[in-house]
Amino acid sequence: MEDRIETLETKLMAVEDLVDELNRTVWRQQQELDLLRQHVRQLAQQVKTIQPANPLRPEDEIPPHW
């Protein structure tokens, strides 16, 4: 019986270590996601400032064969 308890305790410690590692991984990924979201917002803002206020009309565009 004591061997079974010792085996369970060992497995529990391994699971706790795994859960801690997974938590650290999720935390790092969340930090990266937050940073990427911030970059996407900045890029979207830059695109808004670059795009003309009134888009070109189809008749103003040069055909692709020119």
PDB file of N, CA and C in Angstrom:
ATOM      1  N   MET A   1       0.822  -1.195   0.000  1.00  0.00           N
ATOM      2  CA  MET A   1       0.000   0.000   0.000  1.00  0.00           C
ATOM      3  C   MET A   1       0.868   1.262   0.000  1.00  0.00           C
ATOM      4  N   GLU A   2       1.951   1.214   0.773  1.00  0.00           N
ATOM      5  CA  GLU A   2       2.818   2.386   0.865  1.00  0.00           C
ATOM      6  C   GLU A   2       3.491   2.672  -0.482  1.00  0.00           C
ATOM      7  N   ASP A   3       3.834   1.627  -1.227  1.00  0.00           N
ATOM      8  CA  ASP A   3       4.425   1.811  -2.551  1.00  0.00           C
ATOM      9  C   ASP A   3       3.455   2.519  -3.487  1.00  0.00           C
ATOM     10  N   ARG A   4       2.194   2.168  -3.385  1.00  0.00           N
ATOM     11  CA  ARG A   4       1.184   2.805  -4.236  1.00  0.00           C
ATOM     12  C   ARG A   4       1.053   4.278  -3.897  1.00  0.00           C
ATOM     13  N   ILE A   5       1.082   4.603  -2.615  1.00  0.00           N
ATOM     14  CA  ILE A   5       0.986   5.997  -2.184  1.00  0.00           C
ATOM     15  C   ILE A   5       2.215   6.772  -2.669  1.00  0.00           C
ATOM     16  N   GLU A   6       3.378   6.165  -2.547  1.00  0.00           N
ATOM     17  CA  GLU A   6       4.607   6.811  -2.997  1.00  0.00           C
ATOM     18  C   GLU A   6       4.567   7.034  -4.523  1.00  0.00           C
ATOM     19  N   THR A   7       4.059   6.060  -5.255  1.00  0.00           N
ATOM     20  CA  THR A   7       3.926   6.196  -6.708  1.00  0.00           C
ATOM     21  C   THR A   7       2.967   7.327  -7.054  1.00  0.00           C
ATOM     22  N   LEU A   8       1.856   7.398  -6.343  1.00  0.00           N
ATOM     23  CA  LEU A   8       0.890   8.467  -6.577  1.00  0.00           C
ATOM     24  C   LEU A   8       1.475   9.839  -6.239  1.00  0.00           C
ATOM     25  N   GLU A   9       2.231   9.920  -5.156  1.00  0.00           N
ATOM     26  CA  GLU A   9       2.862  11.183  -4.792  1.00  0.00           C
ATOM     27  C   GLU A   9       3.869  11.620  -5.859  1.00  0.00           C
ATOM     28  N   THR A  10       4.619  10.673  -6.378  1.00  0.00           N
ATOM     29  CA  THR A  10       5.596  10.979  -7.424  1.00  0.00           C
ATOM     30  C   THR A  10       4.891  11.474  -8.683  1.00  0.00           C
ATOM     31  N   LYS A  11       3.814  10.801  -9.045  1.00  0.00           N
ATOM     32  CA  LYS A  11       3.052  11.217 -10.220  1.00  0.00           C
ATOM     33  C   LYS A  11       2.427  12.586 -10.003  1.00  0.00           C
ATOM     34  N   LEU A  12       1.938  12.832  -8.790  1.00  0.00           N
ATOM     35  CA  LEU A  12       1.342  14.125  -8.477  1.00  0.00           C
ATOM     36  C   LEU A  12       2.374  15.243  -8.602  1.00  0.00           C
ATOM     37  N   MET A  13       3.582  15.003  -8.127  1.00  0.00           N
ATOM     38  CA  MET A  13       4.638  16.012  -8.255  1.00  0.00           C
ATOM     39  C   MET A  13       4.945  16.291  -9.721  1.00  0.00           C
ATOM     40  N   ALA A  14       4.969  15.244 -10.532  1.00  0.00           N
ATOM     41  CA  ALA A  14       5.232  15.421 -11.959  1.00  0.00           C
ATOM     42  C   ALA A  14       4.107  16.220 -12.615  1.00  0.00           C
ATOM     43  N   VAL A  15       2.884  15.944 -12.220  1.00  0.00           N
ATOM     44  CA  VAL A  15       1.741  16.674 -12.772  1.00  0.00           C
ATOM     45  C   VAL A  15       1.794  18.140 -12.349  1.00  0.00           C
ATOM     46  N   GLU A  16       2.140  18.393 -11.106  1.00  0.00           N
ATOM     47  CA  GLU A  16       2.249  19.772 -10.636  1.00  0.00           C
ATOM     48  C   GLU A  16       3.323  20.524 -11.417  1.00  0.00           C
ATOM     49  N   ASP A  17       4.454  19.871 -11.671  1.00  0.00           N
ATOM     50  CA  ASP A  17       5.507  20.497 -12.470  1.00  0.00           C
ATOM     51  C   ASP A  17       5.016  20.792 -13.885  1.00  0.00           C
ATOM     52  N   LEU A  18       4.295  19.857 -14.452  1.00  0.00           N
ATOM     53  CA  LEU A  18       3.762  20.036 -15.797  1.00  0.00           C
ATOM     54  C   LEU A  18       2.769  21.188 -15.847  1.00  0.00           C
ATOM     55  N   VAL A  19       1.898  21.261 -14.856  1.00  0.00           N
ATOM     56  CA  VAL A  19       0.916  22.350 -14.796  1.00  0.00           C
ATOM     57  C   VAL A  19       1.633  23.691 -14.656  1.00  0.00           C
ATOM     58  N   ASP A  20       2.659  23.760 -13.837  1.00  0.00           N
ATOM     59  CA  ASP A  20       3.423  25.000 -13.697  1.00  0.00           C
ATOM     60  C   ASP A  20       4.063  25.410 -15.023  1.00  0.00           C
ATOM     61  N   GLU A  21       4.637  24.448 -15.711  1.00  0.00           N
ATOM     62  CA  GLU A  21       5.264  24.734 -17.005  1.00  0.00           C
ATOM     63  C   GLU A  21       4.224  25.195 -18.019  1.00  0.00           C
ATOM     64  N   LEU A  22       3.081  24.551 -18.033  1.00  0.00           N
ATOM     65  CA  LEU A  22       2.005  24.964 -18.939  1.00  0.00           C
ATOM     66  C   LEU A  22       1.518  26.369 -18.612  1.00  0.00           C
ATOM     67  N   ASN A  23       1.410  26.683 -17.333  1.00  0.00           N
ATOM     68  CA  ASN A  23       1.000  28.034 -16.936  1.00  0.00           C
ATOM     69  C   ASN A  23       2.007  29.068 -17.414  1.00  0.00           C
ATOM     70  N   ARG A  24       3.287  28.753 -17.279  1.00  0.00           N
ATOM     71  CA  ARG A  24       4.319  29.690 -17.768  1.00  0.00           C
ATOM     72  C   ARG A  24       4.233  29.853 -19.283  1.00  0.00           C
ATOM     73  N   THR A  25       3.975  28.762 -19.982  1.00  0.00           N
ATOM     74  CA  THR A  25       3.855  28.825 -21.446  1.00  0.00           C
ATOM     75  C   THR A  25       2.650  29.671 -21.850  1.00  0.00           C
ATOM     76  N   VAL A  26       1.527  29.453 -21.193  1.00  0.00           N
ATOM     77  CA  VAL A  26       0.332  30.233 -21.500  1.00  0.00           C
ATOM     78  C   VAL A  26       0.580  31.711 -21.195  1.00  0.00           C
ATOM     79  N   TRP A  27       1.248  32.004 -20.110  1.00  0.00           N
ATOM     80  CA  TRP A  27       1.537  33.392 -19.750  1.00  0.00           C
ATOM     81  C   TRP A  27       2.409  34.050 -20.824  1.00  0.00           C
ATOM     82  N   ARG A  28       3.462  33.331 -21.261  1.00  0.00           N
ATOM     83  CA  ARG A  28       4.338  33.886 -22.307  1.00  0.00           C
ATOM     84  C   ARG A  28       3.560  34.101 -23.604  1.00  0.00           C
ATOM     85  N   GLN A  29       2.714  33.158 -23.960  1.00  0.00           N
ATOM     86  CA  GLN A  29       1.928  33.307 -25.178  1.00  0.00           C
ATOM     87  C   GLN A  29       0.959  34.483 -25.070  1.00  0.00           C
ATOM     88  N   GLN A  30       0.388  34.686 -23.901  1.00  0.00           N
ATOM     89  CA  GLN A  30      -0.508  35.824 -23.704  1.00  0.00           C
ATOM     90  C   GLN A  30       0.240  37.137 -23.850  1.00  0.00           C
ATOM     91  N   GLN A  31       1.456  37.192 -23.314  1.00  0.00           N
ATOM     92  CA  GLN A  31       2.263  38.394 -23.466  1.00  0.00           C
ATOM     93  C   GLN A  31       2.544  38.666 -24.942  1.00  0.00           C
ATOM     94  N   GLU A  32       2.870  37.619 -25.667  1.00  0.00           N
ATOM     95  CA  GLU A  32       3.150  37.767 -27.092  1.00  0.00           C
ATOM     96  C   GLU A  32       1.895  38.186 -27.858  1.00  0.00           C
ATOM     97  N   LEU A  33       0.759  37.600 -27.513  1.00  0.00           N
ATOM     98  CA  LEU A  33      -0.500  37.989 -28.151  1.00  0.00           C
ATOM     99  C   LEU A  33      -0.810  39.461 -27.903  1.00  0.00           C
ATOM    100  N   ASP A  34      -0.623  39.906 -26.680  1.00  0.00           N
ATOM    101  CA  ASP A  34      -0.875  41.307 -26.359  1.00  0.00           C
ATOM    102  C   ASP A  34       0.020  42.221 -27.196  1.00  0.00           C
ATOM    103  N   LEU A  35       1.284  41.854 -27.326  1.00  0.00           N
ATOM    104  CA  LEU A  35       2.212  42.648 -28.117  1.00  0.00           C
ATOM    105  C   LEU A  35       1.809  42.643 -29.593  1.00  0.00           C
ATOM    106  N   LEU A  36       1.437  41.484 -30.110  1.00  0.00           N
ATOM    107  CA  LEU A  36       1.026  41.396 -31.516  1.00  0.00           C
ATOM    108  C   LEU A  36      -0.243  42.204 -31.772  1.00  0.00           C
ATOM    109  N   ARG A  37      -1.181  42.169 -30.832  1.00  0.00           N
ATOM    110  CA  ARG A  37      -2.404  42.977 -30.981  1.00  0.00           C
ATOM    111  C   ARG A  37      -2.059  44.461 -31.034  1.00  0.00           C
ATOM    112  N   GLN A  38      -1.138  44.870 -30.193  1.00  0.00           N
ATOM    113  CA  GLN A  38      -0.715  46.270 -30.185  1.00  0.00           C
ATOM    114  C   GLN A  38      -0.087  46.631 -31.533  1.00  0.00           C
ATOM    115  N   HIS A  39       0.726  45.753 -32.081  1.00  0.00           N
ATOM    116  CA  HIS A  39       1.359  46.013 -33.378  1.00  0.00           C
ATOM    117  C   HIS A  39       0.314  46.080 -34.483  1.00  0.00           C
ATOM    118  N   VAL A  40      -0.676  45.201 -34.431  1.00  0.00           N
ATOM    119  CA  VAL A  40      -1.731  45.216 -35.446  1.00  0.00           C
ATOM    120  C   VAL A  40      -2.508  46.532 -35.371  1.00  0.00           C
ATOM    121  N   ARG A  41      -2.806  46.982 -34.166  1.00  0.00           N
ATOM    122  CA  ARG A  41      -3.500  48.274 -34.015  1.00  0.00           C
ATOM    123  C   ARG A  41      -2.673  49.409 -34.603  1.00  0.00           C
ATOM    124  N   GLN A  42      -1.382  49.398 -34.318  1.00  0.00           N
ATOM    125  CA  GLN A  42      -0.507  50.441 -34.852  1.00  0.00           C
ATOM    126  C   GLN A  42      -0.449  50.388 -36.373  1.00  0.00           C
ATOM    127  N   LEU A  43      -0.346  49.193 -36.919  1.00  0.00           N
ATOM    128  CA  LEU A  43      -0.307  49.050 -38.375  1.00  0.00           C
ATOM    129  C   LEU A  43      -1.624  49.489 -39.005  1.00  0.00           C
ATOM    130  N   ALA A  44      -2.729  49.141 -38.386  1.00  0.00           N
ATOM    131  CA  ALA A  44      -4.035  49.559 -38.904  1.00  0.00           C
ATOM    132  C   ALA A  44      -4.139  51.075 -38.901  1.00  0.00           C
ATOM    133  N   GLN A  45      -3.633  51.690 -37.859  1.00  0.00           N
ATOM    134  CA  GLN A  45      -3.664  53.155 -37.788  1.00  0.00           C
ATOM    135  C   GLN A  45      -2.781  53.755 -38.889  1.00  0.00           C
ATOM    136  N   GLN A  46      -1.627  53.154 -39.127  1.00  0.00           N
ATOM    137  CA  GLN A  46      -0.745  53.648 -40.186  1.00  0.00           C
ATOM    138  C   GLN A  46      -1.407  53.499 -41.553  1.00  0.00           C
ATOM    139  N   VAL A  47      -2.081  52.385 -41.771  1.00  0.00           N
ATOM    140  CA  VAL A  47      -2.760  52.167 -43.052  1.00  0.00           C
ATOM    141  C   VAL A  47      -3.852  53.212 -43.244  1.00  0.00           C
ATOM    142  N   LYS A  48      -4.574  53.530 -42.195  1.00  0.00           N
ATOM    143  CA  LYS A  48      -5.626  54.546 -42.294  1.00  0.00           C
ATOM    144  C   LYS A  48      -5.049  55.889 -42.710  1.00  0.00           C
ATOM    145  N   THR A  49      -3.874  56.223 -42.203  1.00  0.00           N
ATOM    146  CA  THR A  49      -3.288  57.522 -42.542  1.00  0.00           C
ATOM    147  C   THR A  49      -2.696  57.526 -43.944  1.00  0.00           C
ATOM    148  N   ILE A  50      -2.353  56.355 -44.469  1.00  0.00           N
ATOM    149  CA  ILE A  50      -1.767  56.271 -45.813  1.00  0.00           C
ATOM    150  C   ILE A  50      -2.839  56.260 -46.887  1.00  0.00           C
ATOM    151  N   GLN A  51      -3.951  55.599 -46.651  1.00  0.00           N
ATOM    152  CA  GLN A  51      -4.992  55.455 -47.655  1.00  0.00           C
ATOM    153  C   GLN A  51      -5.614  56.808 -47.974  1.00  0.00           C
ATOM    154  N   PRO A  52      -5.894  57.039 -49.246  1.00  0.00           N
ATOM    155  CA  PRO A  52      -6.555  58.301 -49.602  1.00  0.00           C
ATOM    156  C   PRO A  52      -7.976  58.336 -49.039  1.00  0.00           C
ATOM    157  N   ALA A  53      -8.446  59.543 -48.780  1.00  0.00           N
ATOM    158  CA  ALA A  53      -9.781  59.699 -48.202  1.00  0.00           C
ATOM    159  C   ALA A  53     -10.858  59.215 -49.165  1.00  0.00           C
ATOM    160  N   ASN A  54     -10.696  59.529 -50.459  1.00  0.00           N
ATOM    161  CA  ASN A  54     -11.681  59.061 -51.439  1.00  0.00           C
ATOM    162  C   ASN A  54     -10.984  58.059 -52.362  1.00  0.00           C
ATOM    163  N   PRO A  55     -11.456  56.842 -52.388  1.00  0.00           N
ATOM    164  CA  PRO A  55     -10.806  55.817 -53.217  1.00  0.00           C
ATOM    165  C   PRO A  55     -10.943  56.143 -54.707  1.00  0.00           C
ATOM    166  N   LEU A  56     -10.020  55.607 -55.474  1.00  0.00           N
ATOM    167  CA  LEU A  56     -10.037  55.836 -56.911  1.00  0.00           C
ATOM    168  C   LEU A  56     -11.265  55.192 -57.541  1.00  0.00           C
ATOM    169  N   ARG A  57     -11.764  55.863 -58.549  1.00  0.00           N
ATOM    170  CA  ARG A  57     -12.869  55.291 -59.315  1.00  0.00           C
ATOM    171  C   ARG A  57     -12.283  54.323 -60.331  1.00  0.00           C
ATOM    172  N   PRO A  58     -13.037  53.304 -60.722  1.00  0.00           N
ATOM    173  CA  PRO A  58     -12.507  52.334 -61.700  1.00  0.00           C
ATOM    174  C   PRO A  58     -12.046  52.986 -62.996  1.00  0.00           C
ATOM    175  N   GLU A  59     -12.735  54.050 -63.428  1.00  0.00           N
ATOM    176  CA  GLU A  59     -12.330  54.708 -64.676  1.00  0.00           C
ATOM    177  C   GLU A  59     -11.037  55.506 -64.537  1.00  0.00           C
ATOM    178  N   ASP A  60     -10.599  55.781 -63.292  1.00  0.00           N
ATOM    179  CA  ASP A  60      -9.341  56.490 -63.065  1.00  0.00           C
ATOM    180  C   ASP A  60      -8.141  55.546 -63.044  1.00  0.00           C
ATOM    181  N   GLU A  61      -8.377  54.255 -62.936  1.00  0.00           N
ATOM    182  CA  GLU A  61      -7.288  53.301 -62.836  1.00  0.00           C
ATOM    183  C   GLU A  61      -6.705  52.996 -64.214  1.00  0.00           C
ATOM    184  N   ILE A  62      -5.401  52.779 -64.260  1.00  0.00           N
ATOM    185  CA  ILE A  62      -4.737  52.423 -65.497  1.00  0.00           C
ATOM    186  C   ILE A  62      -4.937  50.928 -65.731  1.00  0.00           C
ATOM    187  N   PRO A  63      -5.330  50.536 -66.928  1.00  0.00           N
ATOM    188  CA  PRO A  63      -5.504  49.105 -67.200  1.00  0.00           C
ATOM    189  C   PRO A  63      -4.186  48.358 -67.011  1.00  0.00           C
ATOM    190  N   PRO A  64      -4.252  47.086 -66.635  1.00  0.00           N
ATOM    191  CA  PRO A  64      -3.041  46.335 -66.323  1.00  0.00           C
ATOM    192  C   PRO A  64      -2.106  46.138 -67.528  1.00  0.00           C
ATOM    193  N   HIS A  65      -2.622  46.262 -68.755  1.00  0.00           N
ATOM    194  CA  HIS A  65      -1.777  46.041 -69.920  1.00  0.00           C
ATOM    195  C   HIS A  65      -0.980  47.277 -70.322  1.00  0.00           C
ATOM    196  N   TRP A  66      -1.100  48.374 -69.623  1.00  0.00           N
ATOM    197  CA  TRP A  66      -0.346  49.578 -69.962  1.00  0.00           C
ATOM    198  C   TRP A  66       0.969  49.583 -69.286  1.00  0.00           C
TER     199      TRP A  66
END
